Amino acid sequence: MSKDSLRFVVAADHPALAGHFPGAPILPGAVLLDFAWRACRSQLPSGAALKEVVQAKFLSPALPGDVLDFSVEPQSAHIAFQCRAGQRRVAQGRFAWTAA
């Protein structure tokens, strides 16, 4: 398996931005983890499944209009991800996974 990259755009009208935070919206960490989960899941072998968040670090806010690039690197029992908005590191972490 190789290291791959996937892209998501933080839409200015994303519903999670409404309450986080009025006047200074940022994308909640739970939504970033959902994007990371989808990016990682797409890179696993057929029949494999993600099990849990092993580690997650939120390094800078994801803002409306940000283009988020997720790089994903499958390993034997974990799959690592990094998220960047341009040169700015936004998040990184690992999920545990298992073969079917």
PDB file of N, CA and C in Angstrom:
ATOM      1  N   MET A   1       0.843  -1.178   0.000  1.00  0.00           N
ATOM      2  CA  MET A   1       0.000   0.000   0.000  1.00  0.00           C
ATOM      3  C   MET A   1       0.887   1.239   0.000  1.00  0.00           C
ATOM      4  N   SER A   2       0.442   2.246  -0.672  1.00  0.00           N
ATOM      5  CA  SER A   2       1.258   3.449  -0.794  1.00  0.00           C
ATOM      6  C   SER A   2       0.633   4.619  -0.057  1.00  0.00           C
ATOM      7  N   LYS A   3       1.440   5.637   0.094  1.00  0.00           N
ATOM      8  CA  LYS A   3       0.969   6.867   0.717  1.00  0.00           C
ATOM      9  C   LYS A   3       0.160   7.635  -0.322  1.00  0.00           C
ATOM     10  N   ASP A   4      -1.067   8.026   0.043  1.00  0.00           N
ATOM     11  CA  ASP A   4      -1.934   8.727  -0.887  1.00  0.00           C
ATOM     12  C   ASP A   4      -2.455  10.001  -0.245  1.00  0.00           C
ATOM     13  N   SER A   5      -3.044  10.857  -1.060  1.00  0.00           N
ATOM     14  CA  SER A   5      -3.579  12.123  -0.568  1.00  0.00           C
ATOM     15  C   SER A   5      -5.013  12.282  -1.060  1.00  0.00           C
ATOM     16  N   LEU A   6      -5.855  12.805  -0.186  1.00  0.00           N
ATOM     17  CA  LEU A   6      -7.237  13.099  -0.541  1.00  0.00           C
ATOM     18  C   LEU A   6      -7.538  14.526  -0.120  1.00  0.00           C
ATOM     19  N   ARG A   7      -8.470  15.154  -0.818  1.00  0.00           N
ATOM     20  CA  ARG A   7      -8.746  16.575  -0.605  1.00  0.00           C
ATOM     21  C   ARG A   7     -10.218  16.777  -0.242  1.00  0.00           C
ATOM     22  N   PHE A   8     -10.441  17.643   0.745  1.00  0.00           N
ATOM     23  CA  PHE A   8     -11.776  18.077   1.141  1.00  0.00           C
ATOM     24  C   PHE A   8     -11.750  19.600   1.241  1.00  0.00           C
ATOM     25  N   VAL A   9     -12.842  20.232   0.911  1.00  0.00           N
ATOM     26  CA  VAL A   9     -12.962  21.683   1.023  1.00  0.00           C
ATOM     27  C   VAL A   9     -13.945  21.991   2.145  1.00  0.00           C
ATOM     28  N   VAL A  10     -13.572  22.913   3.026  1.00  0.00           N
ATOM     29  CA  VAL A  10     -14.468  23.346   4.102  1.00  0.00           C
ATOM     30  C   VAL A  10     -15.428  24.369   3.497  1.00  0.00           C
ATOM     31  N   ALA A  11     -16.634  23.917   3.201  1.00  0.00           N
ATOM     32  CA  ALA A  11     -17.631  24.805   2.606  1.00  0.00           C
ATOM     33  C   ALA A  11     -18.012  25.891   3.604  1.00  0.00           C
ATOM     34  N   ALA A  12     -18.133  27.115   3.127  1.00  0.00           N
ATOM     35  CA  ALA A  12     -18.489  28.235   3.998  1.00  0.00           C
ATOM     36  C   ALA A  12     -19.844  28.033   4.657  1.00  0.00           C
ATOM     37  N   ASP A  13     -20.717  27.217   4.037  1.00  0.00           N
ATOM     38  CA  ASP A  13     -22.045  26.968   4.603  1.00  0.00           C
ATOM     39  C   ASP A  13     -22.140  25.595   5.282  1.00  0.00           C
ATOM     40  N   HIS A  14     -21.005  24.999   5.625  1.00  0.00           N
ATOM     41  CA  HIS A  14     -21.040  23.695   6.303  1.00  0.00           C
ATOM     42  C   HIS A  14     -21.848  23.841   7.588  1.00  0.00           C
ATOM     43  N   PRO A  15     -22.805  22.950   7.841  1.00  0.00           N
ATOM     44  CA  PRO A  15     -23.686  23.099   9.008  1.00  0.00           C
ATOM     45  C   PRO A  15     -22.962  23.103  10.356  1.00  0.00           C
ATOM     46  N   ALA A  16     -21.801  22.484  10.452  1.00  0.00           N
ATOM     47  CA  ALA A  16     -21.073  22.447  11.722  1.00  0.00           C
ATOM     48  C   ALA A  16     -20.459  23.794  12.084  1.00  0.00           C
ATOM     49  N   LEU A  17     -20.335  24.687  11.109  1.00  0.00           N
ATOM     50  CA  LEU A  17     -19.731  25.990  11.373  1.00  0.00           C
ATOM     51  C   LEU A  17     -20.683  26.937  12.109  1.00  0.00           C
ATOM     52  N   ALA A  18     -21.975  26.688  12.030  1.00  0.00           N
ATOM     53  CA  ALA A  18     -22.967  27.618  12.582  1.00  0.00           C
ATOM     54  C   ALA A  18     -22.745  27.904  14.067  1.00  0.00           C
ATOM     55  N   GLY A  19     -22.424  26.919  14.849  1.00  0.00           N
ATOM     56  CA  GLY A  19     -22.251  27.140  16.280  1.00  0.00           C
ATOM     57  C   GLY A  19     -20.820  27.147  16.748  1.00  0.00           C
ATOM     58  N   HIS A  20     -19.876  27.061  15.831  1.00  0.00           N
ATOM     59  CA  HIS A  20     -18.451  26.944  16.204  1.00  0.00           C
ATOM     60  C   HIS A  20     -17.620  27.981  15.477  1.00  0.00           C
ATOM     61  N   PHE A  21     -17.460  29.067  15.759  1.00  0.00           N
ATOM     62  CA  PHE A  21     -18.004  29.883  16.826  1.00  0.00           C
ATOM     63  C   PHE A  21     -18.551  31.123  16.175  1.00  0.00           C
ATOM     64  N   PRO A  22     -19.695  31.653  16.616  1.00  0.00           N
ATOM     65  CA  PRO A  22     -20.281  32.822  15.961  1.00  0.00           C
ATOM     66  C   PRO A  22     -19.270  33.968  15.831  1.00  0.00           C
ATOM     67  N   GLY A  23     -19.136  34.450  14.632  1.00  0.00           N
ATOM     68  CA  GLY A  23     -18.212  35.542  14.366  1.00  0.00           C
ATOM     69  C   GLY A  23     -16.799  35.100  14.032  1.00  0.00           C
ATOM     70  N   ALA A  24     -16.444  33.887  14.389  1.00  0.00           N
ATOM     71  CA  ALA A  24     -15.110  33.343  14.101  1.00  0.00           C
ATOM     72  C   ALA A  24     -15.225  31.834  13.897  1.00  0.00           C
ATOM     73  N   PRO A  25     -15.877  31.405  12.800  1.00  0.00           N
ATOM     74  CA  PRO A  25     -16.153  29.979  12.618  1.00  0.00           C
ATOM     75  C   PRO A  25     -14.897  29.139  12.390  1.00  0.00           C
ATOM     76  N   ILE A  26     -14.881  27.964  13.033  1.00  0.00           N
ATOM     77  CA  ILE A  26     -13.854  26.948  12.790  1.00  0.00           C
ATOM     78  C   ILE A  26     -14.554  25.602  12.678  1.00  0.00           C
ATOM     79  N   LEU A  27     -13.970  24.698  11.930  1.00  0.00           N
ATOM     80  CA  LEU A  27     -14.529  23.371  11.762  1.00  0.00           C
ATOM     81  C   LEU A  27     -14.230  22.545  13.011  1.00  0.00           C
ATOM     82  N   PRO A  28     -15.236  21.970  13.644  1.00  0.00           N
ATOM     83  CA  PRO A  28     -14.990  21.173  14.850  1.00  0.00           C
ATOM     84  C   PRO A  28     -14.082  19.966  14.582  1.00  0.00           C
ATOM     85  N   GLY A  29     -13.333  19.572  15.612  1.00  0.00           N
ATOM     86  CA  GLY A  29     -12.438  18.427  15.501  1.00  0.00           C
ATOM     87  C   GLY A  29     -13.153  17.154  15.102  1.00  0.00           C
ATOM     88  N   ALA A  30     -14.390  16.967  15.555  1.00  0.00           N
ATOM     89  CA  ALA A  30     -15.145  15.755  15.195  1.00  0.00           C
ATOM     90  C   ALA A  30     -15.359  15.669  13.688  1.00  0.00           C
ATOM     91  N   VAL A  31     -15.565  16.808  13.042  1.00  0.00           N
ATOM     92  CA  VAL A  31     -15.754  16.814  11.585  1.00  0.00           C
ATOM     93  C   VAL A  31     -14.416  16.531  10.892  1.00  0.00           C
ATOM     94  N   LEU A  32     -13.331  17.093  11.410  1.00  0.00           N
ATOM     95  CA  LEU A  32     -12.003  16.781  10.859  1.00  0.00           C
ATOM     96  C   LEU A  32     -11.727  15.282  10.962  1.00  0.00           C
ATOM     97  N   LEU A  33     -12.081  14.679  12.105  1.00  0.00           N
ATOM     98  CA  LEU A  33     -11.880  13.233  12.262  1.00  0.00           C
ATOM     99  C   LEU A  33     -12.746  12.448  11.275  1.00  0.00           C
ATOM    100  N   ASP A  34     -13.944  12.922  11.000  1.00  0.00           N
ATOM    101  CA  ASP A  34     -14.792  12.259  10.009  1.00  0.00           C
ATOM    102  C   ASP A  34     -14.143  12.308   8.630  1.00  0.00           C
ATOM    103  N   PHE A  35     -13.610  13.480   8.251  1.00  0.00           N
ATOM    104  CA  PHE A  35     -12.897  13.581   6.966  1.00  0.00           C
ATOM    105  C   PHE A  35     -11.706  12.619   6.954  1.00  0.00           C
ATOM    106  N   ALA A  36     -10.931  12.598   8.051  1.00  0.00           N
ATOM    107  CA  ALA A  36      -9.763  11.712   8.135  1.00  0.00           C
ATOM    108  C   ALA A  36     -10.189  10.255   8.050  1.00  0.00           C
ATOM    109  N   TRP A  37     -11.280   9.909   8.729  1.00  0.00           N
ATOM    110  CA  TRP A  37     -11.804   8.535   8.717  1.00  0.00           C
ATOM    111  C   TRP A  37     -12.120   8.118   7.284  1.00  0.00           C
ATOM    112  N   ARG A  38     -12.814   9.010   6.553  1.00  0.00           N
ATOM    113  CA  ARG A  38     -13.163   8.693   5.156  1.00  0.00           C
ATOM    114  C   ARG A  38     -11.917   8.561   4.290  1.00  0.00           C
ATOM    115  N   ALA A  39     -10.944   9.455   4.493  1.00  0.00           N
ATOM    116  CA  ALA A  39      -9.705   9.391   3.710  1.00  0.00           C
ATOM    117  C   ALA A  39      -8.968   8.087   3.992  1.00  0.00           C
ATOM    118  N   CYS A  40      -8.876   7.716   5.255  1.00  0.00           N
ATOM    119  CA  CYS A  40      -8.161   6.496   5.635  1.00  0.00           C
ATOM    120  C   CYS A  40      -8.896   5.246   5.160  1.00  0.00           C
ATOM    121  N   ARG A  41     -10.209   5.228   5.350  1.00  0.00           N
ATOM    122  CA  ARG A  41     -10.992   4.053   4.956  1.00  0.00           C
ATOM    123  C   ARG A  41     -10.832   3.767   3.465  1.00  0.00           C
ATOM    124  N   SER A  42     -10.741   4.819   2.657  1.00  0.00           N
ATOM    125  CA  SER A  42     -10.642   4.634   1.209  1.00  0.00           C
ATOM    126  C   SER A  42      -9.305   4.016   0.790  1.00  0.00           C
ATOM    127  N   GLN A  43      -8.324   4.007   1.684  1.00  0.00           N
ATOM    128  CA  GLN A  43      -6.995   3.496   1.338  1.00  0.00           C
ATOM    129  C   GLN A  43      -6.708   2.105   1.904  1.00  0.00           C
ATOM    130  N   LEU A  44      -7.679   1.523   2.600  1.00  0.00           N
ATOM    131  CA  LEU A  44      -7.475   0.184   3.163  1.00  0.00           C
ATOM    132  C   LEU A  44      -7.791  -0.889   2.137  1.00  0.00           C
ATOM    133  N   PRO A  45      -7.236  -2.088   2.323  1.00  0.00           N
ATOM    134  CA  PRO A  45      -7.550  -3.177   1.405  1.00  0.00           C
ATOM    135  C   PRO A  45      -9.036  -3.539   1.472  1.00  0.00           C
ATOM    136  N   SER A  46      -9.537  -4.140   0.430  1.00  0.00           N
ATOM    137  CA  SER A  46     -10.933  -4.562   0.384  1.00  0.00           C
ATOM    138  C   SER A  46     -11.254  -5.457   1.576  1.00  0.00           C
ATOM    139  N   GLY A  47     -12.355  -5.171   2.235  1.00  0.00           N
ATOM    140  CA  GLY A  47     -12.791  -5.975   3.380  1.00  0.00           C
ATOM    141  C   GLY A  47     -12.238  -5.526   4.715  1.00  0.00           C
ATOM    142  N   ALA A  48     -11.240  -4.655   4.719  1.00  0.00           N
ATOM    143  CA  ALA A  48     -10.663  -4.169   5.978  1.00  0.00           C
ATOM    144  C   ALA A  48     -11.587  -3.108   6.575  1.00  0.00           C
ATOM    145  N   ALA A  49     -11.457  -2.910   7.890  1.00  0.00           N
ATOM    146  CA  ALA A  49     -12.309  -1.936   8.567  1.00  0.00           C
ATOM    147  C   ALA A  49     -11.509  -1.142   9.596  1.00  0.00           C
ATOM    148  N   LEU A  50     -11.858   0.125   9.735  1.00  0.00           N
ATOM    149  CA  LEU A  50     -11.275   0.943  10.795  1.00  0.00           C
ATOM    150  C   LEU A  50     -11.957   0.570  12.105  1.00  0.00           C
ATOM    151  N   LYS A  51     -11.180   0.574  13.207  1.00  0.00           N
ATOM    152  CA  LYS A  51     -11.733   0.186  14.500  1.00  0.00           C
ATOM    153  C   LYS A  51     -11.878   1.352  15.459  1.00  0.00           C
ATOM    154  N   GLU A  52     -10.831   2.172  15.598  1.00  0.00           N
ATOM    155  CA  GLU A  52     -10.869   3.222  16.614  1.00  0.00           C
ATOM    156  C   GLU A  52      -9.800   4.271  16.356  1.00  0.00           C
ATOM    157  N   VAL A  53      -9.984   5.416  16.999  1.00  0.00           N
ATOM    158  CA  VAL A  53      -8.982   6.473  16.976  1.00  0.00           C
ATOM    159  C   VAL A  53      -7.908   6.089  17.987  1.00  0.00           C
ATOM    160  N   VAL A  54      -6.669   5.972  17.543  1.00  0.00           N
ATOM    161  CA  VAL A  54      -5.549   5.663  18.431  1.00  0.00           C
ATOM    162  C   VAL A  54      -4.950   6.962  18.954  1.00  0.00           C
ATOM    163  N   GLN A  55      -4.844   7.948  18.072  1.00  0.00           N
ATOM    164  CA  GLN A  55      -4.245   9.228  18.436  1.00  0.00           C
ATOM    165  C   GLN A  55      -4.788  10.296  17.493  1.00  0.00           C
ATOM    166  N   ALA A  56      -5.045  11.472  18.037  1.00  0.00           N
ATOM    167  CA  ALA A  56      -5.443  12.611  17.208  1.00  0.00           C
ATOM    168  C   ALA A  56      -4.914  13.887  17.842  1.00  0.00           C
ATOM    169  N   LYS A  57      -4.283  14.705  17.026  1.00  0.00           N
ATOM    170  CA  LYS A  57      -3.789  16.014  17.465  1.00  0.00           C
ATOM    171  C   LYS A  57      -4.335  17.060  16.509  1.00  0.00           C
ATOM    172  N   PHE A  58      -4.892  18.119  17.091  1.00  0.00           N
ATOM    173  CA  PHE A  58      -5.400  19.230  16.308  1.00  0.00           C
ATOM    174  C   PHE A  58      -4.425  20.382  16.487  1.00  0.00           C
ATOM    175  N   LEU A  59      -3.780  20.762  15.399  1.00  0.00           N
ATOM    176  CA  LEU A  59      -2.641  21.670  15.457  1.00  0.00           C
ATOM    177  C   LEU A  59      -2.973  23.110  15.105  1.00  0.00           C
ATOM    178  N   SER A  60      -3.967  23.321  14.279  1.00  0.00           N
ATOM    179  CA  SER A  60      -4.416  24.664  13.933  1.00  0.00           C
ATOM    180  C   SER A  60      -5.847  24.552  13.407  1.00  0.00           C
ATOM    181  N   PRO A  61      -6.602  25.651  13.445  1.00  0.00           N
ATOM    182  CA  PRO A  61      -8.015  25.563  13.050  1.00  0.00           C
ATOM    183  C   PRO A  61      -8.200  25.382  11.546  1.00  0.00           C
ATOM    184  N   ALA A  62      -9.269  24.650  11.208  1.00  0.00           N
ATOM    185  CA  ALA A  62      -9.719  24.542   9.822  1.00  0.00           C
ATOM    186  C   ALA A  62     -10.818  25.579   9.646  1.00  0.00           C
ATOM    187  N   LEU A  63     -10.637  26.460   8.697  1.00  0.00           N
ATOM    188  CA  LEU A  63     -11.506  27.613   8.521  1.00  0.00           C
ATOM    189  C   LEU A  63     -12.369  27.477   7.272  1.00  0.00           C
ATOM    190  N   PRO A  64     -13.483  28.201   7.220  1.00  0.00           N
ATOM    191  CA  PRO A  64     -14.305  28.175   6.004  1.00  0.00           C
ATOM    192  C   PRO A  64     -13.461  28.529   4.782  1.00  0.00           C
ATOM    193  N   GLY A  65     -13.619  27.749   3.733  1.00  0.00           N
ATOM    194  CA  GLY A  65     -12.867  27.969   2.503  1.00  0.00           C
ATOM    195  C   GLY A  65     -11.539  27.242   2.438  1.00  0.00           C
ATOM    196  N   ASP A  66     -11.066  26.716   3.580  1.00  0.00           N
ATOM    197  CA  ASP A  66      -9.798  25.973   3.554  1.00  0.00           C
ATOM    198  C   ASP A  66      -9.912  24.738   2.663  1.00  0.00           C
ATOM    199  N   VAL A  67      -8.872  24.474   1.917  1.00  0.00           N
ATOM    200  CA  VAL A  67      -8.746  23.236   1.157  1.00  0.00           C
ATOM    201  C   VAL A  67      -7.866  22.321   2.008  1.00  0.00           C
ATOM    202  N   LEU A  68      -8.452  21.230   2.490  1.00  0.00           N
ATOM    203  CA  LEU A  68      -7.743  20.314   3.380  1.00  0.00           C
ATOM    204  C   LEU A  68      -7.224  19.125   2.597  1.00  0.00           C
ATOM    205  N   ASP A  69      -5.926  18.940   2.643  1.00  0.00           N
ATOM    206  CA  ASP A  69      -5.294  17.788   1.999  1.00  0.00           C
ATOM    207  C   ASP A  69      -4.912  16.783   3.074  1.00  0.00           C
ATOM    208  N   PHE A  70      -5.436  15.567   2.936  1.00  0.00           N
ATOM    209  CA  PHE A  70      -5.139  14.484   3.868  1.00  0.00           C
ATOM    210  C   PHE A  70      -4.184  13.514   3.200  1.00  0.00           C
ATOM    211  N   SER A  71      -3.018  13.334   3.804  1.00  0.00           N
ATOM    212  CA  SER A  71      -2.119  12.277   3.347  1.00  0.00           C
ATOM    213  C   SER A  71      -2.309  11.105   4.302  1.00  0.00           C
ATOM    214  N   VAL A  72      -2.309   9.926   3.728  1.00  0.00           N
ATOM    215  CA  VAL A  72      -2.649   8.707   4.451  1.00  0.00           C
ATOM    216  C   VAL A  72      -1.550   7.683   4.227  1.00  0.00           C
ATOM    217  N   GLU A  73      -1.138   7.023   5.305  1.00  0.00           N
ATOM    218  CA  GLU A  73      -0.094   6.012   5.187  1.00  0.00           C
ATOM    219  C   GLU A  73      -0.483   4.761   5.974  1.00  0.00           C
ATOM    220  N   PRO A  74      -0.986   3.731   5.269  1.00  0.00           N
ATOM    221  CA  PRO A  74      -1.332   2.484   5.947  1.00  0.00           C
ATOM    222  C   PRO A  74      -0.085   1.793   6.501  1.00  0.00           C
ATOM    223  N   GLN A  75      -0.223   1.264   7.707  1.00  0.00           N
ATOM    224  CA  GLN A  75       0.825   0.489   8.360  1.00  0.00           C
ATOM    225  C   GLN A  75       0.214  -0.840   8.762  1.00  0.00           C
ATOM    226  N   SER A  76       0.958  -1.707   9.422  1.00  0.00           N
ATOM    227  CA  SER A  76       0.466  -3.057   9.699  1.00  0.00           C
ATOM    228  C   SER A  76      -0.816  -3.093  10.526  1.00  0.00           C
ATOM    229  N   ALA A  77      -0.918  -2.357  11.598  1.00  0.00           N
ATOM    230  CA  ALA A  77      -2.122  -2.381  12.440  1.00  0.00           C
ATOM    231  C   ALA A  77      -2.765  -1.006  12.575  1.00  0.00           C
ATOM    232  N   HIS A  78      -2.125   0.008  12.014  1.00  0.00           N
ATOM    233  CA  HIS A  78      -2.627   1.378  12.101  1.00  0.00           C
ATOM    234  C   HIS A  78      -2.586   2.015  10.722  1.00  0.00           C
ATOM    235  N   ILE A  79      -3.321   3.088  10.595  1.00  0.00           N
ATOM    236  CA  ILE A  79      -3.229   3.903   9.391  1.00  0.00           C
ATOM    237  C   ILE A  79      -3.073   5.344   9.860  1.00  0.00           C
ATOM    238  N   ALA A  80      -2.000   5.960   9.449  1.00  0.00           N
ATOM    239  CA  ALA A  80      -1.676   7.320   9.888  1.00  0.00           C
ATOM    240  C   ALA A  80      -2.224   8.331   8.889  1.00  0.00           C
ATOM    241  N   PHE A  81      -2.598   9.505   9.405  1.00  0.00           N
ATOM    242  CA  PHE A  81      -3.034  10.582   8.529  1.00  0.00           C
ATOM    243  C   PHE A  81      -2.417  11.894   8.980  1.00  0.00           C
ATOM    244  N   GLN A  82      -2.260  12.784   8.012  1.00  0.00           N
ATOM    245  CA  GLN A  82      -1.886  14.170   8.265  1.00  0.00           C
ATOM    246  C   GLN A  82      -2.817  15.033   7.436  1.00  0.00           C
ATOM    247  N   CYS A  83      -3.205  16.157   8.011  1.00  0.00           N
ATOM    248  CA  CYS A  83      -4.083  17.100   7.324  1.00  0.00           C
ATOM    249  C   CYS A  83      -3.384  18.443   7.265  1.00  0.00           C
ATOM    250  N   ARG A  84      -3.375  19.025   6.065  1.00  0.00           N
ATOM    251  CA  ARG A  84      -2.781  20.346   5.857  1.00  0.00           C
ATOM    252  C   ARG A  84      -3.767  21.234   5.109  1.00  0.00           C
ATOM    253  N   ALA A  85      -3.688  22.500   5.407  1.00  0.00           N
ATOM    254  CA  ALA A  85      -4.372  23.529   4.626  1.00  0.00           C
ATOM    255  C   ALA A  85      -3.244  24.376   4.038  1.00  0.00           C
ATOM    256  N   GLY A  86      -2.879  24.105   2.811  1.00  0.00           N
ATOM    257  CA  GLY A  86      -1.684  24.727   2.229  1.00  0.00           C
ATOM    258  C   GLY A  86      -0.465  24.214   2.974  1.00  0.00           C
ATOM    259  N   GLN A  87       0.375  25.099   3.469  1.00  0.00           N
ATOM    260  CA  GLN A  87       1.564  24.700   4.230  1.00  0.00           C
ATOM    261  C   GLN A  87       1.280  24.532   5.719  1.00  0.00           C
ATOM    262  N   ARG A  88       0.089  24.938   6.151  1.00  0.00           N
ATOM    263  CA  ARG A  88      -0.264  24.892   7.574  1.00  0.00           C
ATOM    264  C   ARG A  88      -0.738  23.501   7.973  1.00  0.00           C
ATOM    265  N   ARG A  89      -0.107  22.946   9.013  1.00  0.00           N
ATOM    266  CA  ARG A  89      -0.541  21.654   9.540  1.00  0.00           C
ATOM    267  C   ARG A  89      -1.794  21.857  10.389  1.00  0.00           C
ATOM    268  N   VAL A  90      -2.837  21.099  10.092  1.00  0.00           N
ATOM    269  CA  VAL A  90      -4.118  21.241  10.782  1.00  0.00           C
ATOM    270  C   VAL A  90      -4.316  20.108  11.791  1.00  0.00           C
ATOM    271  N   ALA A  91      -4.050  18.884  11.392  1.00  0.00           N
ATOM    272  CA  ALA A  91      -4.277  17.737  12.294  1.00  0.00           C
ATOM    273  C   ALA A  91      -3.407  16.567  11.852  1.00  0.00           C
ATOM    274  N   GLN A  92      -3.228  15.647  12.772  1.00  0.00           N
ATOM    275  CA  GLN A  92      -2.542  14.388  12.470  1.00  0.00           C
ATOM    276  C   GLN A  92      -3.013  13.343  13.455  1.00  0.00           C
ATOM    277  N   GLY A  93      -2.845  12.085  13.089  1.00  0.00           N
ATOM    278  CA  GLY A  93      -3.248  11.026  14.006  1.00  0.00           C
ATOM    279  C   GLY A  93      -3.162   9.654  13.379  1.00  0.00           C
ATOM    280  N   ARG A  94      -3.740   8.693  14.102  1.00  0.00           N
ATOM    281  CA  ARG A  94      -3.740   7.302  13.635  1.00  0.00           C
ATOM    282  C   ARG A  94      -5.051   6.628  14.030  1.00  0.00           C
ATOM    283  N   PHE A  95      -5.504   5.744  13.169  1.00  0.00           N
ATOM    284  CA  PHE A  95      -6.643   4.877  13.452  1.00  0.00           C
ATOM    285  C   PHE A  95      -6.141   3.433  13.462  1.00  0.00           C
ATOM    286  N   ALA A  96      -6.721   2.615  14.316  1.00  0.00           N
ATOM    287  CA  ALA A  96      -6.452   1.174  14.259  1.00  0.00           C
ATOM    288  C   ALA A  96      -7.351   0.583  13.188  1.00  0.00           C
ATOM    289  N   TRP A  97      -6.863  -0.456  12.517  1.00  0.00           N
ATOM    290  CA  TRP A  97      -7.680  -1.132  11.513  1.00  0.00           C
ATOM    291  C   TRP A  97      -7.448  -2.634  11.582  1.00  0.00           C
ATOM    292  N   THR A  98      -8.361  -3.366  11.015  1.00  0.00           N
ATOM    293  CA  THR A  98      -8.264  -4.813  11.002  1.00  0.00           C
ATOM    294  C   THR A  98      -8.721  -5.354   9.660  1.00  0.00           C
ATOM    295  N   ALA A  99      -8.126  -6.466   9.268  1.00  0.00           N
ATOM    296  CA  ALA A  99      -8.567  -7.132   8.037  1.00  0.00           C
ATOM    297  C   ALA A  99      -9.875  -7.861   8.329  1.00  0.00           C
ATOM    298  N   ALA A 100     -10.656  -8.070   7.290  1.00  0.00           N
ATOM    299  CA  ALA A 100     -11.962  -8.731   7.469  1.00  0.00           C
ATOM    300  C   ALA A 100     -11.809 -10.176   7.888  1.00  0.00           C
TER     301      ALA A 100
END
